[in-house]
C-alpha atoms as a PDB file:
ATOM      1  CA  MET A   1    -131.368 -25.843-187.026  1.00  0.00           C
ATOM      2  CA  SER A   2    -129.455 -27.404-184.314  1.00  0.00           C
ATOM      3  CA  ILE A   3    -130.926 -24.861-181.708  1.00  0.00           C
ATOM      4  CA  VAL A   4    -134.703 -25.696-182.638  1.00  0.00           C
ATOM      5  CA  LYS A   5    -136.804 -27.642-179.979  1.00  0.00           C
ATOM      6  CA  GLY A   6    -140.214 -27.544-181.608  1.00  0.00           C
ATOM      7  CA  ARG A   7    -142.173 -25.221-183.705  1.00  0.00           C
ATOM      8  CA  VAL A   8    -140.357 -22.298-185.605  1.00  0.00           C
ATOM      9  CA  GLY A   9    -141.430 -19.890-188.032  1.00  0.00           C
ATOM     10  CA  VAL A  10    -138.163 -17.685-189.490  1.00  0.00           C
ATOM     11  CA  VAL A  11    -138.017 -15.231-192.121  1.00  0.00           C
ATOM     12  CA  LEU A  12    -135.774 -15.941-194.996  1.00  0.00           C
ATOM     13  CA  PRO A  13    -134.608 -14.274-198.139  1.00  0.00           C
ATOM     14  CA  ASP A  14    -135.788 -16.090-201.512  1.00  0.00           C
ATOM     15  CA  ASN A  15    -132.422 -17.365-202.501  1.00  0.00           C
ATOM     16  CA  VAL A  16    -132.566 -19.860-199.421  1.00  0.00           C
ATOM     17  CA  LEU A  17    -135.469 -21.479-201.368  1.00  0.00           C
ATOM     18  CA  THR A  18    -133.755 -21.022-204.640  1.00  0.00           C
ATOM     19  CA  ASP A  19    -130.006 -21.456-204.621  1.00  0.00           C
ATOM     20  CA  THR A  20    -127.834 -24.118-205.339  1.00  0.00           C
ATOM     21  CA  GLY A  21    -124.594 -25.567-203.842  1.00  0.00           C
ATOM     22  CA  THR A  22    -124.583 -25.407-200.011  1.00  0.00           C
ATOM     23  CA  THR A  23    -127.744 -23.786-199.850  1.00  0.00           C
ATOM     24  CA  ALA A  24    -129.410 -26.482-201.694  1.00  0.00           C
ATOM     25  CA  LYS A  25    -127.973 -28.932-198.981  1.00  0.00           C
ATOM     26  CA  VAL A  26    -129.298 -26.903-196.114  1.00  0.00           C
ATOM     27  CA  ARG A  27    -132.638 -27.154-197.986  1.00  0.00           C
ATOM     28  CA  GLU A  28    -132.442 -30.854-198.148  1.00  0.00           C
ATOM     29  CA  ARG A  29    -131.631 -31.380-194.393  1.00  0.00           C
ATOM     30  CA  LEU A  30    -134.607 -29.175-193.619  1.00  0.00           C
ATOM     31  CA  LEU A  31    -137.065 -31.317-195.603  1.00  0.00           C
ATOM     32  CA  ARG A  32    -135.285 -34.399-194.073  1.00  0.00           C
ATOM     33  CA  ASN A  33    -135.082 -33.462-190.564  1.00  0.00           C
ATOM     34  CA  PHE A  34    -138.192 -30.866-189.986  1.00  0.00           C
ATOM     35  CA  ASN A  35    -141.751 -30.939-191.276  1.00  0.00           C
ATOM     36  CA  LEU A  36    -141.736 -27.813-193.465  1.00  0.00           C
ATOM     37  CA  HIS A  37    -145.290 -27.409-193.432  1.00  0.00           C
ATOM     38  CA  THR A  38    -145.956 -23.595-194.568  1.00  0.00           C
ATOM     39  CA  ILE A  39    -144.281 -21.037-196.567  1.00  0.00           C
ATOM     40  CA  LEU A  40    -145.713 -17.476-196.509  1.00  0.00           C
ATOM     41  CA  ARG A  41    -144.380 -15.657-199.652  1.00  0.00           C
ATOM     42  CA  LEU A  42    -144.390 -11.959-198.673  1.00  0.00           C
ATOM     43  CA  PRO A  43    -143.894  -8.887-201.077  1.00  0.00           C
ATOM     44  CA  THR A  44    -140.703  -7.340-201.723  1.00  0.00           C
ATOM     45  CA  GLY A  45    -139.030  -4.857-199.230  1.00  0.00           C
ATOM     46  CA  ILE A  46    -140.853  -6.154-196.055  1.00  0.00           C
ATOM     47  CA  PHE A  47    -137.892  -7.117-193.975  1.00  0.00           C
ATOM     48  CA  TYR A  48    -135.081  -6.568-195.884  1.00  0.00           C
ATOM     49  CA  ALA A  49    -133.863  -3.912-198.572  1.00  0.00           C
ATOM     50  CA  ASN A  50    -136.302  -2.945-201.316  1.00  0.00           C
ATOM     51  CA  GLY A  51    -136.228  -5.346-203.898  1.00  0.00           C
ATOM     52  CA  ILE A  52    -135.418  -8.241-201.668  1.00  0.00           C
ATOM     53  CA  LYS A  53    -137.868 -10.954-201.710  1.00  0.00           C
ATOM     54  CA  THR A  54    -138.807 -12.930-198.596  1.00  0.00           C
ATOM     55  CA  ASN A  55    -140.582 -15.635-197.253  1.00  0.00           C
ATOM     56  CA  VAL A  56    -141.812 -17.146-193.534  1.00  0.00           C
ATOM     57  CA  LEU A  57    -141.000 -20.563-193.369  1.00  0.00           C
ATOM     58  CA  PHE A  58    -142.986 -22.649-190.649  1.00  0.00           C
ATOM     59  CA  PHE A  59    -141.778 -25.958-189.570  1.00  0.00           C
ATOM     60  CA  ASP A  60    -141.538 -28.452-186.799  1.00  0.00           C
ATOM     61  CA  LYS A  61    -138.689 -30.283-185.751  1.00  0.00           C
ATOM     62  CA  GLY A  62    -138.623 -34.121-185.717  1.00  0.00           C
ATOM     63  CA  GLU A  63    -140.286 -35.507-188.653  1.00  0.00           C
ATOM     64  CA  PRO A  64    -139.492 -34.973-192.661  1.00  0.00           C
ATOM     65  CA  THR A  65    -141.654 -32.864-194.895  1.00  0.00           C
ATOM     66  CA  GLU A  66    -144.638 -34.492-196.353  1.00  0.00           C
ATOM     67  CA  GLY A  67    -146.228 -31.651-198.160  1.00  0.00           C
ATOM     68  CA  ILE A  68    -146.063 -28.003-198.217  1.00  0.00           C
ATOM     69  CA  TRP A  69    -148.718 -25.380-198.079  1.00  0.00           C
ATOM     70  CA  VAL A  70    -147.792 -21.991-199.683  1.00  0.00           C
ATOM     71  CA  TYR A  71    -149.695 -18.780-199.485  1.00  0.00           C
ATOM     72  CA  ASP A  72    -148.727 -16.212-202.198  1.00  0.00           C
ATOM     73  CA  ASN A  73    -148.957 -12.820-200.499  1.00  0.00           C
ATOM     74  CA  ARG A  74    -146.294 -11.627-203.014  1.00  0.00           C
ATOM     75  CA  THR A  75    -147.778 -11.502-206.585  1.00  0.00           C
ATOM     76  CA  GLY A  76    -149.893  -8.800-207.515  1.00  0.00           C
ATOM     77  CA  VAL A  77    -149.448  -7.119-204.038  1.00  0.00           C
ATOM     78  CA  LYS A  78    -147.412  -4.068-203.622  1.00  0.00           C
ATOM     79  CA  HIS A  79    -146.324  -2.901-200.002  1.00  0.00           C
ATOM     80  CA  THR A  80    -143.564  -0.136-199.017  1.00  0.00           C
ATOM     81  CA  LEU A  81    -142.302   0.713-195.766  1.00  0.00           C
ATOM     82  CA  SER A  82    -143.071   4.437-195.910  1.00  0.00           C
ATOM     83  CA  THR A  83    -145.889   4.790-198.184  1.00  0.00           C
ATOM     84  CA  LYS A  84    -148.032   1.642-198.017  1.00  0.00           C
ATOM     85  CA  PRO A  85    -146.690  -0.622-195.082  1.00  0.00           C
ATOM     86  CA  MET A  86    -148.079  -3.948-194.696  1.00  0.00           C
ATOM     87  CA  LYS A  87    -150.398  -4.268-191.847  1.00  0.00           C
ATOM     88  CA  ARG A  88    -151.804  -7.210-189.778  1.00  0.00           C
ATOM     89  CA  GLU A  89    -154.965  -6.960-191.645  1.00  0.00           C
ATOM     90  CA  HIS A  90    -153.274  -7.518-195.021  1.00  0.00           C
ATOM     91  CA  LEU A  91    -152.390 -11.069-193.440  1.00  0.00           C
ATOM     92  CA  GLN A  92    -155.882 -12.012-192.581  1.00  0.00           C
ATOM     93  CA  GLU A  93    -156.946 -14.317-195.414  1.00  0.00           C
ATOM     94  CA  PHE A  94    -153.604 -16.147-194.769  1.00  0.00           C
ATOM     95  CA  VAL A  95    -154.354 -16.460-190.856  1.00  0.00           C
ATOM     96  CA  ASP A  96    -157.531 -17.894-191.817  1.00  0.00           C
ATOM     97  CA  CYS A  97    -155.976 -20.290-194.201  1.00  0.00           C
ATOM     98  CA  TYR A  98    -153.186 -21.162-191.880  1.00  0.00           C
ATOM     99  CA  CYS A  99    -155.880 -23.007-189.374  1.00  0.00           C
ATOM    100  CA  THR A 100    -153.512 -22.737-186.109  1.00  0.00           C
ATOM    101  CA  GLY A 101    -153.529 -26.092-184.366  1.00  0.00           C
ATOM    102  CA  ASN A 102    -155.712 -27.762-186.976  1.00  0.00           C
ATOM    103  CA  ILE A 103    -153.621 -28.134-189.866  1.00  0.00           C
ATOM    104  CA  GLU A 104    -156.032 -31.052-191.234  1.00  0.00           C
ATOM    105  CA  ASN A 105    -158.863 -28.585-191.631  1.00  0.00           C
ATOM    106  CA  ARG A 106    -156.749 -26.541-194.382  1.00  0.00           C
ATOM    107  CA  LYS A 107    -158.491 -26.133-197.464  1.00  0.00           C
ATOM    108  CA  SER A 108    -156.594 -24.956-200.718  1.00  0.00           C
ATOM    109  CA  THR A 109    -158.060 -21.454-202.465  1.00  0.00           C
ATOM    110  CA  TYR A 110    -156.519 -22.634-205.679  1.00  0.00           C
ATOM    111  CA  SER A 111    -158.330 -24.933-208.163  1.00  0.00           C
ATOM    112  CA  GLU A 112    -158.501 -25.360-211.805  1.00  0.00           C
ATOM    113  CA  LYS A 113    -161.448 -23.033-211.367  1.00  0.00           C
ATOM    114  CA  ASN A 114    -159.691 -20.451-209.536  1.00  0.00           C
ATOM    115  CA  PRO A 115    -155.954 -20.621-210.669  1.00  0.00           C
ATOM    116  CA  ASN A 116    -155.140 -17.641-208.892  1.00  0.00           C
ATOM    117  CA  GLY A 117    -156.139 -18.729-205.347  1.00  0.00           C
ATOM    118  CA  ARG A 118    -153.357 -17.703-203.128  1.00  0.00           C
ATOM    119  CA  TRP A 119    -153.391 -20.756-200.845  1.00  0.00           C
ATOM    120  CA  ARG A 120    -152.237 -23.959-202.525  1.00  0.00           C
ATOM    121  CA  TYR A 121    -150.890 -27.206-201.263  1.00  0.00           C
ATOM    122  CA  PHE A 122    -147.935 -28.961-202.809  1.00  0.00           C
ATOM    123  CA  SER A 123    -147.807 -32.811-202.296  1.00  0.00           C
ATOM    124  CA  ALA A 124    -144.554 -34.630-201.069  1.00  0.00           C
ATOM    125  CA  GLU A 125    -143.961 -35.815-204.618  1.00  0.00           C
ATOM    126  CA  GLU A 126    -144.377 -32.260-206.173  1.00  0.00           C
ATOM    127  CA  VAL A 127    -141.826 -31.310-203.617  1.00  0.00           C
ATOM    128  CA  LYS A 128    -139.447 -34.071-204.365  1.00  0.00           C
ATOM    129  CA  LYS A 129    -139.671 -33.291-208.258  1.00  0.00           C
ATOM    130  CA  ALA A 130    -139.329 -29.220-207.706  1.00  0.00           C
ATOM    131  CA  GLU A 131    -135.832 -28.075-208.279  1.00  0.00           C
ATOM    132  CA  ASN A 132    -136.343 -25.733-205.349  1.00  0.00           C
ATOM    133  CA  LEU A 133    -138.996 -24.392-203.162  1.00  0.00           C
ATOM    134  CA  ASP A 134    -139.929 -21.384-205.021  1.00  0.00           C
ATOM    135  CA  PHE A 135    -143.410 -22.435-205.955  1.00  0.00           C
ATOM    136  CA  VAL A 136    -145.041 -19.909-208.259  1.00  0.00           C
ATOM    137  CA  TRP A 137    -148.470 -20.397-209.790  1.00  0.00           C
ATOM    138  CA  ILE A 138    -150.437 -17.124-209.758  1.00  0.00           C
ATOM    139  CA  ASN A 139    -150.558 -15.296-213.072  1.00  0.00           C
ATOM    140  CA  LEU A 140    -152.030 -11.988-212.475  1.00  0.00           C
ATOM    141  CA  ASP A 141    -150.672 -10.611-215.891  1.00  0.00           C
ATOM    142  CA  GLU A 142    -153.273  -8.686-217.891  1.00  0.00           C
ATOM    143  CA  ARG A 143    -152.820  -9.165-221.470  1.00  0.00           C
ATOM    144  CA  ASP A 144    -154.427  -6.684-224.126  1.00  0.00           C
ATOM    145  CA  GLU A 145    -155.821  -8.739-227.043  1.00  0.00           C
ATOM    146  CA  ARG A 146    -156.350  -5.924-229.078  1.00  0.00           C
ATOM    147  CA  SER A 147    -154.634  -5.091-232.440  1.00  0.00           C
ATOM    148  CA  SER A 148    -152.620  -2.132-232.518  1.00  0.00           C
ATOM    149  CA  ASN A 149    -155.330  -0.515-235.052  1.00  0.00           C
ATOM    150  CA  GLU A 150    -158.014  -1.268-232.224  1.00  0.00           C
ATOM    151  CA  ILE A 151    -155.635   0.121-229.497  1.00  0.00           C
ATOM    152  CA  LEU A 152    -155.417   3.383-231.720  1.00  0.00           C
ATOM    153  CA  THR A 153    -158.884   3.701-232.264  1.00  0.00           C
ATOM    154  CA  ASP A 154    -159.626   3.534-228.672  1.00  0.00           C
ATOM    155  CA  LEU A 155    -156.777   5.990-227.799  1.00  0.00           C
ATOM    156  CA  LEU A 156    -158.531   8.387-230.253  1.00  0.00           C
ATOM    157  CA  LYS A 157    -161.889   8.032-228.788  1.00  0.00           C
ATOM    158  CA  GLU A 158    -160.776   8.658-225.440  1.00  0.00           C
ATOM    159  CA  THR A 159    -158.866  11.715-226.517  1.00  0.00           C
ATOM    160  CA  LYS A 160    -161.597  13.032-228.157  1.00  0.00           C
ATOM    161  CA  ALA A 161    -163.936  12.435-225.010  1.00  0.00           C
ATOM    162  CA  MET A 162    -161.456  14.346-222.935  1.00  0.00           C
ATOM    163  CA  ASP A 163    -161.299  17.381-225.337  1.00  0.00           C
ATOM    164  CA  LYS A 164    -165.006  17.588-225.334  1.00  0.00           C
ATOM    165  CA  GLY A 165    -164.478  17.636-221.492  1.00  0.00           C
ATOM    166  CA  THR A 166    -162.191  20.480-221.205  1.00  0.00           C
ATOM    167  CA  GLY A 167    -162.934  22.405-224.309  1.00  0.00           C
ATOM    168  CA  GLN A 168    -159.383  21.892-225.904  1.00  0.00           C
ATOM    169  CA  THR A 169    -158.833  20.232-229.163  1.00  0.00           C
ATOM    170  CA  CYS A 170    -155.971  18.192-230.138  1.00  0.00           C
ATOM    171  CA  ALA A 171    -153.556  18.857-232.792  1.00  0.00           C
END
């Protein structure tokens, strides 16, 4: 932090946003002495070992943090270094939302009507109330509301349909 002269983007593991003790004190100093205006949440394994969650923090030296824009490019996103590497095109929506040089023109994609919008603003009050900077709001869990009998009936129908296609029968 002492060598920062202006605008910075830095890749850090999740624990920097969540850990307590000394790490929490560093976060407090960051929020007090720098304008942490943007956090880009990345899928696991992009910069560090597989399973390690990372973020890119964008901040400017000199003014305290008023609010933080967060782009969740993690929830429901799968990339691997070998079979499905993250490419520049995977970040285009973030780049569009970021509005380089025009932070005042940013518009949230999150709303009550779109609770899984990936781009969301957290006010200074929300940041102060938060225990840490690990802002999570997207819920892509798909729930199956069918009863167990309905699931079994559907499975049986699918099995019969597959059998008709292959000419085989199930025991």
